Amino acid sequence: QVQLVESGGGLVQAGGSLRLSCAASGSIFSISGMGWYRQVPGKQRELVAVINSGGTTAYADFVKGRFTISRDSAKKTVYLQMNNLKPEDTAVYYCNADGMVLGRYGNFWGQGTQVTVSS
């Protein structure tokens, strides 16, 4: 059993900051990559940021310079520091992870956490 649990979402004013956390639990090992995605009603889920096992990061253009992704591999946790938030950042943010479960590759999603940025 594998579970990814996000936390840290909430309501903030434009220009504010939030820090999201996602912790993986259960029998997932050798996590190769973790990332954050977001989705708004009526639209497709989109990539925000990813980080691999070596610490290499990649960001969507619309968050570069504002968001920072990091991870603690020992704790199976990924973070997303969001600064200078904009109303268009409002979305449900989902954690994603790739890893080995019972000797096989698996891809897993968290339940999502709501981020709302007011103007």
PDB file of N, CA and C in Angstrom:
ATOM      1  N   GLN A   1       0.837  -1.174   0.000  1.00  0.00           N
ATOM      2  CA  GLN A   1       0.000   0.000   0.000  1.00  0.00           C
ATOM      3  C   GLN A   1       0.884   1.240   0.000  1.00  0.00           C
ATOM      4  N   VAL A   2       0.527   2.194  -0.842  1.00  0.00           N
ATOM      5  CA  VAL A   2       1.271   3.432  -0.976  1.00  0.00           C
ATOM      6  C   VAL A   2       0.302   4.589  -0.838  1.00  0.00           C
ATOM      7  N   GLN A   3       0.730   5.591  -0.113  1.00  0.00           N
ATOM      8  CA  GLN A   3      -0.084   6.778   0.061  1.00  0.00           C
ATOM      9  C   GLN A   3       0.794   8.022   0.002  1.00  0.00           C
ATOM     10  N   LEU A   4       0.348   9.013  -0.748  1.00  0.00           N
ATOM     11  CA  LEU A   4       0.995  10.311  -0.802  1.00  0.00           C
ATOM     12  C   LEU A   4       0.029  11.322  -0.203  1.00  0.00           C
ATOM     13  N   VAL A   5       0.492  12.059   0.785  1.00  0.00           N
ATOM     14  CA  VAL A   5      -0.359  13.000   1.498  1.00  0.00           C
ATOM     15  C   VAL A   5       0.227  14.397   1.393  1.00  0.00           C
ATOM     16  N   GLU A   6      -0.543  15.313   0.798  1.00  0.00           N
ATOM     17  CA  GLU A   6      -0.128  16.705   0.678  1.00  0.00           C
ATOM     18  C   GLU A   6      -0.642  17.523   1.853  1.00  0.00           C
ATOM     19  N   SER A   7       0.067  18.585   2.146  1.00  0.00           N
ATOM     20  CA  SER A   7      -0.364  19.520   3.167  1.00  0.00           C
ATOM     21  C   SER A   7       0.223  20.895   2.853  1.00  0.00           C
ATOM     22  N   GLY A   8      -0.333  21.918   3.466  1.00  0.00           N
ATOM     23  CA  GLY A   8       0.211  23.259   3.332  1.00  0.00           C
ATOM     24  C   GLY A   8      -0.591  24.199   2.461  1.00  0.00           C
ATOM     25  N   GLY A   9      -1.631  23.703   1.815  1.00  0.00           N
ATOM     26  CA  GLY A   9      -2.446  24.578   1.001  1.00  0.00           C
ATOM     27  C   GLY A   9      -3.284  25.509   1.850  1.00  0.00           C
ATOM     28  N   GLY A  10      -3.901  26.475   1.190  1.00  0.00           N
ATOM     29  CA  GLY A  10      -4.732  27.419   1.908  1.00  0.00           C
ATOM     30  C   GLY A  10      -5.076  28.623   1.075  1.00  0.00           C
ATOM     31  N   LEU A  11      -5.581  29.645   1.742  1.00  0.00           N
ATOM     32  CA  LEU A  11      -5.990  30.896   1.115  1.00  0.00           C
ATOM     33  C   LEU A  11      -4.999  31.985   1.460  1.00  0.00           C
ATOM     34  N   VAL A  12      -4.450  32.632   0.435  1.00  0.00           N
ATOM     35  CA  VAL A  12      -3.503  33.721   0.638  1.00  0.00           C
ATOM     36  C   VAL A  12      -3.820  34.857  -0.319  1.00  0.00           C
ATOM     37  N   GLN A  13      -3.331  36.037   0.011  1.00  0.00           N
ATOM     38  CA  GLN A  13      -3.464  37.178  -0.873  1.00  0.00           C
ATOM     39  C   GLN A  13      -2.354  37.174  -1.920  1.00  0.00           C
ATOM     40  N   ALA A  14      -2.615  37.816  -3.028  1.00  0.00           N
ATOM     41  CA  ALA A  14      -1.599  37.931  -4.067  1.00  0.00           C
ATOM     42  C   ALA A  14      -0.312  38.513  -3.494  1.00  0.00           C
ATOM     43  N   GLY A  15       0.805  37.913  -3.883  1.00  0.00           N
ATOM     44  CA  GLY A  15       2.099  38.320  -3.365  1.00  0.00           C
ATOM     45  C   GLY A  15       2.551  37.540  -2.151  1.00  0.00           C
ATOM     46  N   GLY A  16       1.672  36.739  -1.595  1.00  0.00           N
ATOM     47  CA  GLY A  16       2.002  35.943  -0.433  1.00  0.00           C
ATOM     48  C   GLY A  16       2.712  34.658  -0.784  1.00  0.00           C
ATOM     49  N   SER A  17       2.970  33.857   0.247  1.00  0.00           N
ATOM     50  CA  SER A  17       3.730  32.624   0.083  1.00  0.00           C
ATOM     51  C   SER A  17       3.053  31.460   0.783  1.00  0.00           C
ATOM     52  N   LEU A  18       3.296  30.281   0.257  1.00  0.00           N
ATOM     53  CA  LEU A  18       2.877  29.035   0.875  1.00  0.00           C
ATOM     54  C   LEU A  18       3.963  27.992   0.652  1.00  0.00           C
ATOM     55  N   ARG A  19       4.017  27.025   1.533  1.00  0.00           N
ATOM     56  CA  ARG A  19       4.944  25.918   1.389  1.00  0.00           C
ATOM     57  C   ARG A  19       4.154  24.616   1.457  1.00  0.00           C
ATOM     58  N   LEU A  20       4.167  23.868   0.368  1.00  0.00           N
ATOM     59  CA  LEU A  20       3.478  22.594   0.297  1.00  0.00           C
ATOM     60  C   LEU A  20       4.432  21.456   0.627  1.00  0.00           C
ATOM     61  N   SER A  21       3.902  20.441   1.279  1.00  0.00           N
ATOM     62  CA  SER A  21       4.670  19.249   1.594  1.00  0.00           C
ATOM     63  C   SER A  21       3.910  18.025   1.121  1.00  0.00           C
ATOM     64  N   CYS A  22       4.644  17.005   0.750  1.00  0.00           N
ATOM     65  CA  CYS A  22       4.051  15.742   0.340  1.00  0.00           C
ATOM     66  C   CYS A  22       4.927  14.617   0.854  1.00  0.00           C
ATOM     67  N   ALA A  23       4.352  13.764   1.666  1.00  0.00           N
ATOM     68  CA  ALA A  23       5.078  12.648   2.248  1.00  0.00           C
ATOM     69  C   ALA A  23       4.528  11.330   1.726  1.00  0.00           C
ATOM     70  N   ALA A  24       5.415  10.488   1.260  1.00  0.00           N
ATOM     71  CA  ALA A  24       5.043   9.157   0.798  1.00  0.00           C
ATOM     72  C   ALA A  24       5.174   8.167   1.937  1.00  0.00           C
ATOM     73  N   SER A  25       4.201   7.308   2.058  1.00  0.00           N
ATOM     74  CA  SER A  25       4.234   6.277   3.086  1.00  0.00           C
ATOM     75  C   SER A  25       3.872   4.935   2.476  1.00  0.00           C
ATOM     76  N   GLY A  26       4.149   3.885   3.223  1.00  0.00           N
ATOM     77  CA  GLY A  26       3.885   2.558   2.725  1.00  0.00           C
ATOM     78  C   GLY A  26       5.114   1.952   2.088  1.00  0.00           C
ATOM     79  N   SER A  27       4.907   0.909   1.320  1.00  0.00           N
ATOM     80  CA  SER A  27       6.001   0.115   0.780  1.00  0.00           C
ATOM     81  C   SER A  27       6.495   0.611  -0.571  1.00  0.00           C
ATOM     82  N   ILE A  28       6.811   1.883  -0.646  1.00  0.00           N
ATOM     83  CA  ILE A  28       7.416   2.436  -1.845  1.00  0.00           C
ATOM     84  C   ILE A  28       8.889   2.706  -1.557  1.00  0.00           C
ATOM     85  N   PHE A  29       9.745   2.245  -2.447  1.00  0.00           N
ATOM     86  CA  PHE A  29      11.183   2.390  -2.281  1.00  0.00           C
ATOM     87  C   PHE A  29      11.819   2.856  -3.578  1.00  0.00           C
ATOM     88  N   SER A  30      13.044   3.321  -3.450  1.00  0.00           N
ATOM     89  CA  SER A  30      13.830   3.758  -4.599  1.00  0.00           C
ATOM     90  C   SER A  30      13.056   4.751  -5.457  1.00  0.00           C
ATOM     91  N   ILE A  31      12.544   5.777  -4.828  1.00  0.00           N
ATOM     92  CA  ILE A  31      11.776   6.791  -5.544  1.00  0.00           C
ATOM     93  C   ILE A  31      12.700   7.521  -6.512  1.00  0.00           C
ATOM     94  N   SER A  32      12.362   7.467  -7.775  1.00  0.00           N
ATOM     95  CA  SER A  32      13.210   8.058  -8.798  1.00  0.00           C
ATOM     96  C   SER A  32      12.887   9.523  -9.057  1.00  0.00           C
ATOM     97  N   GLY A  33      11.633   9.867  -8.976  1.00  0.00           N
ATOM     98  CA  GLY A  33      11.239  11.236  -9.223  1.00  0.00           C
ATOM     99  C   GLY A  33       9.991  11.612  -8.451  1.00  0.00           C
ATOM    100  N   MET A  34       9.905  12.869  -8.095  1.00  0.00           N
ATOM    101  CA  MET A  34       8.732  13.393  -7.434  1.00  0.00           C
ATOM    102  C   MET A  34       8.413  14.741  -8.062  1.00  0.00           C
ATOM    103  N   GLY A  35       7.151  15.087  -8.039  1.00  0.00           N
ATOM    104  CA  GLY A  35       6.778  16.341  -8.661  1.00  0.00           C
ATOM    105  C   GLY A  35       5.460  16.880  -8.164  1.00  0.00           C
ATOM    106  N   TRP A  36       5.189  18.088  -8.609  1.00  0.00           N
ATOM    107  CA  TRP A  36       3.939  18.767  -8.302  1.00  0.00           C
ATOM    108  C   TRP A  36       3.225  19.133  -9.590  1.00  0.00           C
ATOM    109  N   TYR A  37       1.935  18.912  -9.593  1.00  0.00           N
ATOM    110  CA  TYR A  37       1.068  19.258 -10.705  1.00  0.00           C
ATOM    111  C   TYR A  37      -0.106  20.053 -10.161  1.00  0.00           C
ATOM    112  N   ARG A  38      -0.797  20.756 -11.031  1.00  0.00           N
ATOM    113  CA  ARG A  38      -1.962  21.498 -10.570  1.00  0.00           C
ATOM    114  C   ARG A  38      -3.076  21.414 -11.598  1.00  0.00           C
ATOM    115  N   GLN A  39      -4.287  21.623 -11.117  1.00  0.00           N
ATOM    116  CA  GLN A  39      -5.460  21.507 -11.976  1.00  0.00           C
ATOM    117  C   GLN A  39      -6.547  22.458 -11.508  1.00  0.00           C
ATOM    118  N   VAL A  40      -7.174  23.120 -12.463  1.00  0.00           N
ATOM    119  CA  VAL A  40      -8.318  23.977 -12.185  1.00  0.00           C
ATOM    120  C   VAL A  40      -9.541  23.354 -12.832  1.00  0.00           C
ATOM    121  N   PRO A  41     -10.741  23.664 -12.340  1.00  0.00           N
ATOM    122  CA  PRO A  41     -11.950  23.068 -12.911  1.00  0.00           C
ATOM    123  C   PRO A  41     -12.065  23.307 -14.408  1.00  0.00           C
ATOM    124  N   GLY A  42     -12.380  22.240 -15.124  1.00  0.00           N
ATOM    125  CA  GLY A  42     -12.576  22.336 -16.555  1.00  0.00           C
ATOM    126  C   GLY A  42     -11.318  22.319 -17.391  1.00  0.00           C
ATOM    127  N   LYS A  43     -10.151  22.202 -16.754  1.00  0.00           N
ATOM    128  CA  LYS A  43      -8.902  22.188 -17.488  1.00  0.00           C
ATOM    129  C   LYS A  43      -8.077  20.956 -17.141  1.00  0.00           C
ATOM    130  N   GLN A  44      -7.105  20.679 -17.997  1.00  0.00           N
ATOM    131  CA  GLN A  44      -6.238  19.526 -17.798  1.00  0.00           C
ATOM    132  C   GLN A  44      -5.220  19.787 -16.693  1.00  0.00           C
ATOM    133  N   ARG A  45      -4.814  18.719 -16.048  1.00  0.00           N
ATOM    134  CA  ARG A  45      -3.771  18.815 -15.051  1.00  0.00           C
ATOM    135  C   ARG A  45      -2.453  19.166 -15.737  1.00  0.00           C
ATOM    136  N   GLU A  46      -1.677  20.064 -15.130  1.00  0.00           N
ATOM    137  CA  GLU A  46      -0.451  20.514 -15.743  1.00  0.00           C
ATOM    138  C   GLU A  46       0.730  20.410 -14.784  1.00  0.00           C
ATOM    139  N   LEU A  47       1.890  20.209 -15.364  1.00  0.00           N
ATOM    140  CA  LEU A  47       3.122  20.097 -14.596  1.00  0.00           C
ATOM    141  C   LEU A  47       3.504  21.447 -14.003  1.00  0.00           C
ATOM    142  N   VAL A  48       3.921  21.433 -12.748  1.00  0.00           N
ATOM    143  CA  VAL A  48       4.441  22.623 -12.087  1.00  0.00           C
ATOM    144  C   VAL A  48       5.956  22.517 -11.920  1.00  0.00           C
ATOM    145  N   ALA A  49       6.411  21.440 -11.298  1.00  0.00           N
ATOM    146  CA  ALA A  49       7.834  21.246 -11.054  1.00  0.00           C
ATOM    147  C   ALA A  49       8.106  19.776 -10.766  1.00  0.00           C
ATOM    148  N   VAL A  50       9.308  19.323 -11.105  1.00  0.00           N
ATOM    149  CA  VAL A  50       9.726  17.957 -10.823  1.00  0.00           C
ATOM    150  C   VAL A  50      11.148  17.961 -10.309  1.00  0.00           C
ATOM    151  N   ILE A  51      11.495  16.898  -9.581  1.00  0.00           N
ATOM    152  CA  ILE A  51      12.848  16.729  -9.070  1.00  0.00           C
ATOM    153  C   ILE A  51      13.182  15.247  -9.102  1.00  0.00           C
ATOM    154  N   ASN A  52      14.380  14.911  -9.579  1.00  0.00           N
ATOM    155  CA  ASN A  52      14.758  13.512  -9.660  1.00  0.00           C
ATOM    156  C   ASN A  52      15.591  13.102  -8.448  1.00  0.00           C
ATOM    157  N   SER A  53      16.022  11.840  -8.448  1.00  0.00           N
ATOM    158  CA  SER A  53      16.737  11.317  -7.295  1.00  0.00           C
ATOM    159  C   SER A  53      18.076  11.994  -7.060  1.00  0.00           C
ATOM    160  N   GLY A  54      18.655  12.573  -8.095  1.00  0.00           N
ATOM    161  CA  GLY A  54      19.913  13.279  -7.963  1.00  0.00           C
ATOM    162  C   GLY A  54      19.773  14.738  -7.594  1.00  0.00           C
ATOM    163  N   GLY A  55      18.558  15.211  -7.447  1.00  0.00           N
ATOM    164  CA  GLY A  55      18.322  16.592  -7.076  1.00  0.00           C
ATOM    165  C   GLY A  55      18.158  17.547  -8.240  1.00  0.00           C
ATOM    166  N   THR A  56      18.175  17.037  -9.457  1.00  0.00           N
ATOM    167  CA  THR A  56      17.966  17.882 -10.624  1.00  0.00           C
ATOM    168  C   THR A  56      16.510  18.299 -10.706  1.00  0.00           C
ATOM    169  N   THR A  57      16.285  19.562 -10.964  1.00  0.00           N
ATOM    170  CA  THR A  57      14.932  20.114 -10.978  1.00  0.00           C
ATOM    171  C   THR A  57      14.566  20.651 -12.347  1.00  0.00           C
ATOM    172  N   ALA A  58      13.267  20.726 -12.573  1.00  0.00           N
ATOM    173  CA  ALA A  58      12.734  21.345 -13.773  1.00  0.00           C
ATOM    174  C   ALA A  58      11.422  22.019 -13.418  1.00  0.00           C
ATOM    175  N   TYR A  59      11.166  23.167 -14.038  1.00  0.00           N
ATOM    176  CA  TYR A  59       9.993  23.956 -13.714  1.00  0.00           C
ATOM    177  C   TYR A  59       9.228  24.351 -14.961  1.00  0.00           C
ATOM    178  N   ALA A  60       7.928  24.487 -14.795  1.00  0.00           N
ATOM    179  CA  ALA A  60       7.131  25.103 -15.835  1.00  0.00           C
ATOM    180  C   ALA A  60       7.501  26.575 -15.940  1.00  0.00           C
ATOM    181  N   ASP A  61       7.414  27.118 -17.140  1.00  0.00           N
ATOM    182  CA  ASP A  61       7.817  28.506 -17.344  1.00  0.00           C
ATOM    183  C   ASP A  61       7.039  29.480 -16.471  1.00  0.00           C
ATOM    184  N   PHE A  62       5.795  29.188 -16.212  1.00  0.00           N
ATOM    185  CA  PHE A  62       4.964  30.144 -15.489  1.00  0.00           C
ATOM    186  C   PHE A  62       5.259  30.223 -14.002  1.00  0.00           C
ATOM    187  N   VAL A  63       6.151  29.366 -13.482  1.00  0.00           N
ATOM    188  CA  VAL A  63       6.514  29.440 -12.065  1.00  0.00           C
ATOM    189  C   VAL A  63       7.991  29.702 -11.843  1.00  0.00           C
ATOM    190  N   LYS A  64       8.782  29.753 -12.893  1.00  0.00           N
ATOM    191  CA  LYS A  64      10.217  29.976 -12.744  1.00  0.00           C
ATOM    192  C   LYS A  64      10.498  31.298 -12.041  1.00  0.00           C
ATOM    193  N   GLY A  65      11.392  31.229 -11.069  1.00  0.00           N
ATOM    194  CA  GLY A  65      11.737  32.413 -10.309  1.00  0.00           C
ATOM    195  C   GLY A  65      10.842  32.665  -9.121  1.00  0.00           C
ATOM    196  N   ARG A  66       9.751  31.927  -9.019  1.00  0.00           N
ATOM    197  CA  ARG A  66       8.814  32.114  -7.914  1.00  0.00           C
ATOM    198  C   ARG A  66       8.683  30.863  -7.036  1.00  0.00           C
ATOM    199  N   PHE A  67       8.727  29.695  -7.659  1.00  0.00           N
ATOM    200  CA  PHE A  67       8.551  28.439  -6.928  1.00  0.00           C
ATOM    201  C   PHE A  67       9.873  27.685  -6.857  1.00  0.00           C
ATOM    202  N   THR A  68      10.058  26.930  -5.782  1.00  0.00           N
ATOM    203  CA  THR A  68      11.235  26.093  -5.615  1.00  0.00           C
ATOM    204  C   THR A  68      10.813  24.716  -5.117  1.00  0.00           C
ATOM    205  N   ILE A  69      11.245  23.681  -5.824  1.00  0.00           N
ATOM    206  CA  ILE A  69      10.966  22.322  -5.406  1.00  0.00           C
ATOM    207  C   ILE A  69      12.206  21.733  -4.747  1.00  0.00           C
ATOM    208  N   SER A  70      12.003  20.949  -3.710  1.00  0.00           N
ATOM    209  CA  SER A  70      13.091  20.280  -3.015  1.00  0.00           C
ATOM    210  C   SER A  70      12.582  18.956  -2.460  1.00  0.00           C
ATOM    211  N   ARG A  71      13.512  18.135  -1.994  1.00  0.00           N
ATOM    212  CA  ARG A  71      13.096  16.838  -1.464  1.00  0.00           C
ATOM    213  C   ARG A  71      14.033  16.374  -0.361  1.00  0.00           C
ATOM    214  N   ASP A  72      13.499  15.526   0.479  1.00  0.00           N
ATOM    215  CA  ASP A  72      14.249  14.820   1.496  1.00  0.00           C
ATOM    216  C   ASP A  72      14.031  13.350   1.206  1.00  0.00           C
ATOM    217  N   SER A  73      14.979  12.737   0.527  1.00  0.00           N
ATOM    218  CA  SER A  73      14.807  11.370   0.070  1.00  0.00           C
ATOM    219  C   SER A  73      14.660  10.381   1.225  1.00  0.00           C
ATOM    220  N   ALA A  74      15.393  10.618   2.305  1.00  0.00           N
ATOM    221  CA  ALA A  74      15.314   9.725   3.452  1.00  0.00           C
ATOM    222  C   ALA A  74      13.915   9.710   4.052  1.00  0.00           C
ATOM    223  N   LYS A  75      13.246  10.852   4.003  1.00  0.00           N
ATOM    224  CA  LYS A  75      11.891  10.957   4.537  1.00  0.00           C
ATOM    225  C   LYS A  75      10.820  10.758   3.476  1.00  0.00           C
ATOM    226  N   LYS A  76      11.246  10.511   2.248  1.00  0.00           N
ATOM    227  CA  LYS A  76      10.317  10.315   1.133  1.00  0.00           C
ATOM    228  C   LYS A  76       9.345  11.486   1.027  1.00  0.00           C
ATOM    229  N   THR A  77       9.887  12.664   1.125  1.00  0.00           N
ATOM    230  CA  THR A  77       9.081  13.874   1.155  1.00  0.00           C
ATOM    231  C   THR A  77       9.560  14.869   0.106  1.00  0.00           C
ATOM    232  N   VAL A  78       8.617  15.513  -0.544  1.00  0.00           N
ATOM    233  CA  VAL A  78       8.916  16.562  -1.506  1.00  0.00           C
ATOM    234  C   VAL A  78       8.202  17.833  -1.070  1.00  0.00           C
ATOM    235  N   TYR A  79       8.837  18.976  -1.331  1.00  0.00           N
ATOM    236  CA  TYR A  79       8.303  20.257  -0.919  1.00  0.00           C
ATOM    237  C   TYR A  79       8.177  21.184  -2.123  1.00  0.00           C
ATOM    238  N   LEU A  80       7.280  22.128  -2.005  1.00  0.00           N
ATOM    239  CA  LEU A  80       7.148  23.171  -3.007  1.00  0.00           C
ATOM    240  C   LEU A  80       6.983  24.502  -2.292  1.00  0.00           C
ATOM    241  N   GLN A  81       8.027  25.314  -2.342  1.00  0.00           N
ATOM    242  CA  GLN A  81       7.966  26.660  -1.793  1.00  0.00           C
ATOM    243  C   GLN A  81       7.434  27.594  -2.868  1.00  0.00           C
ATOM    244  N   MET A  82       6.327  28.245  -2.578  1.00  0.00           N
ATOM    245  CA  MET A  82       5.675  29.120  -3.538  1.00  0.00           C
ATOM    246  C   MET A  82       5.707  30.547  -3.020  1.00  0.00           C
ATOM    247  N   ASN A  83       6.401  31.402  -3.744  1.00  0.00           N
ATOM    248  CA  ASN A  83       6.515  32.809  -3.386  1.00  0.00           C
ATOM    249  C   ASN A  83       5.866  33.676  -4.453  1.00  0.00           C
ATOM    250  N   ASN A  84       5.539  34.898  -4.068  1.00  0.00           N
ATOM    251  CA  ASN A  84       4.920  35.848  -4.985  1.00  0.00           C
ATOM    252  C   ASN A  84       3.750  35.223  -5.736  1.00  0.00           C
ATOM    253  N   LEU A  85       2.852  34.645  -4.986  1.00  0.00           N
ATOM    254  CA  LEU A  85       1.719  33.960  -5.587  1.00  0.00           C
ATOM    255  C   LEU A  85       0.806  34.932  -6.323  1.00  0.00           C
ATOM    256  N   LYS A  86       0.241  34.430  -7.406  1.00  0.00           N
ATOM    257  CA  LYS A  86      -0.656  35.204  -8.246  1.00  0.00           C
ATOM    258  C   LYS A  86      -2.024  34.544  -8.282  1.00  0.00           C
ATOM    259  N   PRO A  87      -3.080  35.307  -8.565  1.00  0.00           N
ATOM    260  CA  PRO A  87      -4.411  34.699  -8.643  1.00  0.00           C
ATOM    261  C   PRO A  87      -4.475  33.531  -9.622  1.00  0.00           C
ATOM    262  N   GLU A  88      -3.726  33.589 -10.702  1.00  0.00           N
ATOM    263  CA  GLU A  88      -3.739  32.510 -11.670  1.00  0.00           C
ATOM    264  C   GLU A  88      -3.069  31.230 -11.167  1.00  0.00           C
ATOM    265  N   ASP A  89      -2.431  31.294 -10.005  1.00  0.00           N
ATOM    266  CA  ASP A  89      -1.879  30.098  -9.378  1.00  0.00           C
ATOM    267  C   ASP A  89      -2.946  29.296  -8.643  1.00  0.00           C
ATOM    268  N   THR A  90      -4.133  29.845  -8.516  1.00  0.00           N
ATOM    269  CA  THR A  90      -5.217  29.157  -7.834  1.00  0.00           C
ATOM    270  C   THR A  90      -5.526  27.838  -8.532  1.00  0.00           C
ATOM    271  N   ALA A  91      -5.462  26.754  -7.778  1.00  0.00           N
ATOM    272  CA  ALA A  91      -5.674  25.424  -8.331  1.00  0.00           C
ATOM    273  C   ALA A  91      -5.600  24.404  -7.207  1.00  0.00           C
ATOM    274  N   VAL A  92      -5.943  23.176  -7.539  1.00  0.00           N
ATOM    275  CA  VAL A  92      -5.652  22.058  -6.663  1.00  0.00           C
ATOM    276  C   VAL A  92      -4.277  21.534  -7.054  1.00  0.00           C
ATOM    277  N   TYR A  93      -3.395  21.448  -6.091  1.00  0.00           N
ATOM    278  CA  TYR A  93      -2.034  20.990  -6.332  1.00  0.00           C
ATOM    279  C   TYR A  93      -1.895  19.539  -5.906  1.00  0.00           C
ATOM    280  N   TYR A  94      -1.352  18.725  -6.813  1.00  0.00           N
ATOM    281  CA  TYR A  94      -1.216  17.300  -6.594  1.00  0.00           C
ATOM    282  C   TYR A  94       0.245  16.880  -6.565  1.00  0.00           C
ATOM    283  N   CYS A  95       0.561  16.010  -5.647  1.00  0.00           N
ATOM    284  CA  CYS A  95       1.887  15.411  -5.559  1.00  0.00           C
ATOM    285  C   CYS A  95       1.925  14.138  -6.384  1.00  0.00           C
ATOM    286  N   ASN A  96       3.058  13.874  -7.005  1.00  0.00           N
ATOM    287  CA  ASN A  96       3.245  12.673  -7.802  1.00  0.00           C
ATOM    288  C   ASN A  96       4.606  12.067  -7.506  1.00  0.00           C
ATOM    289  N   ALA A  97       4.672  10.743  -7.536  1.00  0.00           N
ATOM    290  CA  ALA A  97       5.937  10.062  -7.278  1.00  0.00           C
ATOM    291  C   ALA A  97       6.048   8.793  -8.099  1.00  0.00           C
ATOM    292  N   ASP A  98       7.267   8.492  -8.516  1.00  0.00           N
ATOM    293  CA  ASP A  98       7.599   7.239  -9.186  1.00  0.00           C
ATOM    294  C   ASP A  98       8.499   6.439  -8.265  1.00  0.00           C
ATOM    295  N   GLY A  99       8.207   5.163  -8.119  1.00  0.00           N
ATOM    296  CA  GLY A  99       9.037   4.328  -7.269  1.00  0.00           C
ATOM    297  C   GLY A  99       8.760   2.855  -7.460  1.00  0.00           C
ATOM    298  N   MET A 100       9.468   2.064  -6.672  1.00  0.00           N
ATOM    299  CA  MET A 100       9.329   0.619  -6.740  1.00  0.00           C
ATOM    300  C   MET A 100       8.433   0.133  -5.613  1.00  0.00           C
ATOM    301  N   VAL A 101       7.448  -0.665  -5.969  1.00  0.00           N
ATOM    302  CA  VAL A 101       6.530  -1.259  -5.013  1.00  0.00           C
ATOM    303  C   VAL A 101       6.451  -2.755  -5.294  1.00  0.00           C
ATOM    304  N   LEU A 102       6.809  -3.544  -4.310  1.00  0.00           N
ATOM    305  CA  LEU A 102       6.807  -5.001  -4.454  1.00  0.00           C
ATOM    306  C   LEU A 102       7.615  -5.427  -5.677  1.00  0.00           C
ATOM    307  N   GLY A 103       8.728  -4.763  -5.893  1.00  0.00           N
ATOM    308  CA  GLY A 103       9.621  -5.120  -6.978  1.00  0.00           C
ATOM    309  C   GLY A 103       9.222  -4.608  -8.348  1.00  0.00           C
ATOM    310  N   ARG A 104       8.177  -3.811  -8.433  1.00  0.00           N
ATOM    311  CA  ARG A 104       7.706  -3.295  -9.709  1.00  0.00           C
ATOM    312  C   ARG A 104       7.561  -1.782  -9.676  1.00  0.00           C
ATOM    313  N   TYR A 105       7.690  -1.196 -10.847  1.00  0.00           N
ATOM    314  CA  TYR A 105       7.532   0.248 -10.983  1.00  0.00           C
ATOM    315  C   TYR A 105       6.089   0.658 -10.732  1.00  0.00           C
ATOM    316  N   GLY A 106       5.927   1.778 -10.070  1.00  0.00           N
ATOM    317  CA  GLY A 106       4.610   2.328  -9.843  1.00  0.00           C
ATOM    318  C   GLY A 106       4.625   3.842  -9.896  1.00  0.00           C
ATOM    319  N   ASN A 107       3.517   4.420 -10.280  1.00  0.00           N
ATOM    320  CA  ASN A 107       3.331   5.864 -10.293  1.00  0.00           C
ATOM    321  C   ASN A 107       2.118   6.189  -9.434  1.00  0.00           C
ATOM    322  N   PHE A 108       2.281   7.180  -8.546  1.00  0.00           N
ATOM    323  CA  PHE A 108       1.255   7.421  -7.545  1.00  0.00           C
ATOM    324  C   PHE A 108       0.940   8.904  -7.430  1.00  0.00           C
ATOM    325  N   TRP A 109      -0.296   9.169  -7.061  1.00  0.00           N
ATOM    326  CA  TRP A 109      -0.792  10.531  -6.894  1.00  0.00           C
ATOM    327  C   TRP A 109      -1.335  10.753  -5.488  1.00  0.00           C
ATOM    328  N   GLY A 110      -1.151  11.959  -4.994  1.00  0.00           N
ATOM    329  CA  GLY A 110      -1.776  12.355  -3.755  1.00  0.00           C
ATOM    330  C   GLY A 110      -3.209  12.794  -3.984  1.00  0.00           C
ATOM    331  N   GLN A 111      -3.888  13.135  -2.918  1.00  0.00           N
ATOM    332  CA  GLN A 111      -5.293  13.514  -3.012  1.00  0.00           C
ATOM    333  C   GLN A 111      -5.502  14.960  -3.437  1.00  0.00           C
ATOM    334  N   GLY A 112      -4.459  15.753  -3.370  1.00  0.00           N
ATOM    335  CA  GLY A 112      -4.533  17.146  -3.761  1.00  0.00           C
ATOM    336  C   GLY A 112      -4.772  18.072  -2.586  1.00  0.00           C
ATOM    337  N   THR A 113      -4.245  19.279  -2.696  1.00  0.00           N
ATOM    338  CA  THR A 113      -4.471  20.304  -1.696  1.00  0.00           C
ATOM    339  C   THR A 113      -4.813  21.611  -2.411  1.00  0.00           C
ATOM    340  N   GLN A 114      -5.816  22.299  -1.917  1.00  0.00           N
ATOM    341  CA  GLN A 114      -6.310  23.509  -2.570  1.00  0.00           C
ATOM    342  C   GLN A 114      -5.438  24.708  -2.232  1.00  0.00           C
ATOM    343  N   VAL A 115      -5.053  25.435  -3.269  1.00  0.00           N
ATOM    344  CA  VAL A 115      -4.362  26.709  -3.113  1.00  0.00           C
ATOM    345  C   VAL A 115      -5.225  27.775  -3.760  1.00  0.00           C
ATOM    346  N   THR A 116      -5.597  28.777  -2.989  1.00  0.00           N
ATOM    347  CA  THR A 116      -6.419  29.864  -3.500  1.00  0.00           C
ATOM    348  C   THR A 116      -5.721  31.187  -3.240  1.00  0.00           C
ATOM    349  N   VAL A 117      -5.527  31.959  -4.291  1.00  0.00           N
ATOM    350  CA  VAL A 117      -4.845  33.244  -4.199  1.00  0.00           C
ATOM    351  C   VAL A 117      -5.849  34.334  -4.555  1.00  0.00           C
ATOM    352  N   SER A 118      -6.107  35.208  -3.623  1.00  0.00           N
ATOM    353  CA  SER A 118      -7.060  36.285  -3.831  1.00  0.00           C
ATOM    354  C   SER A 118      -6.355  37.532  -4.333  1.00  0.00           C
ATOM    355  N   SER A 119      -7.088  38.340  -5.076  1.00  0.00           N
ATOM    356  CA  SER A 119      -6.539  39.580  -5.604  1.00  0.00           C
ATOM    357  C   SER A 119      -6.850  40.766  -4.723  1.00  0.00           C
TER     358      SER A 119
END
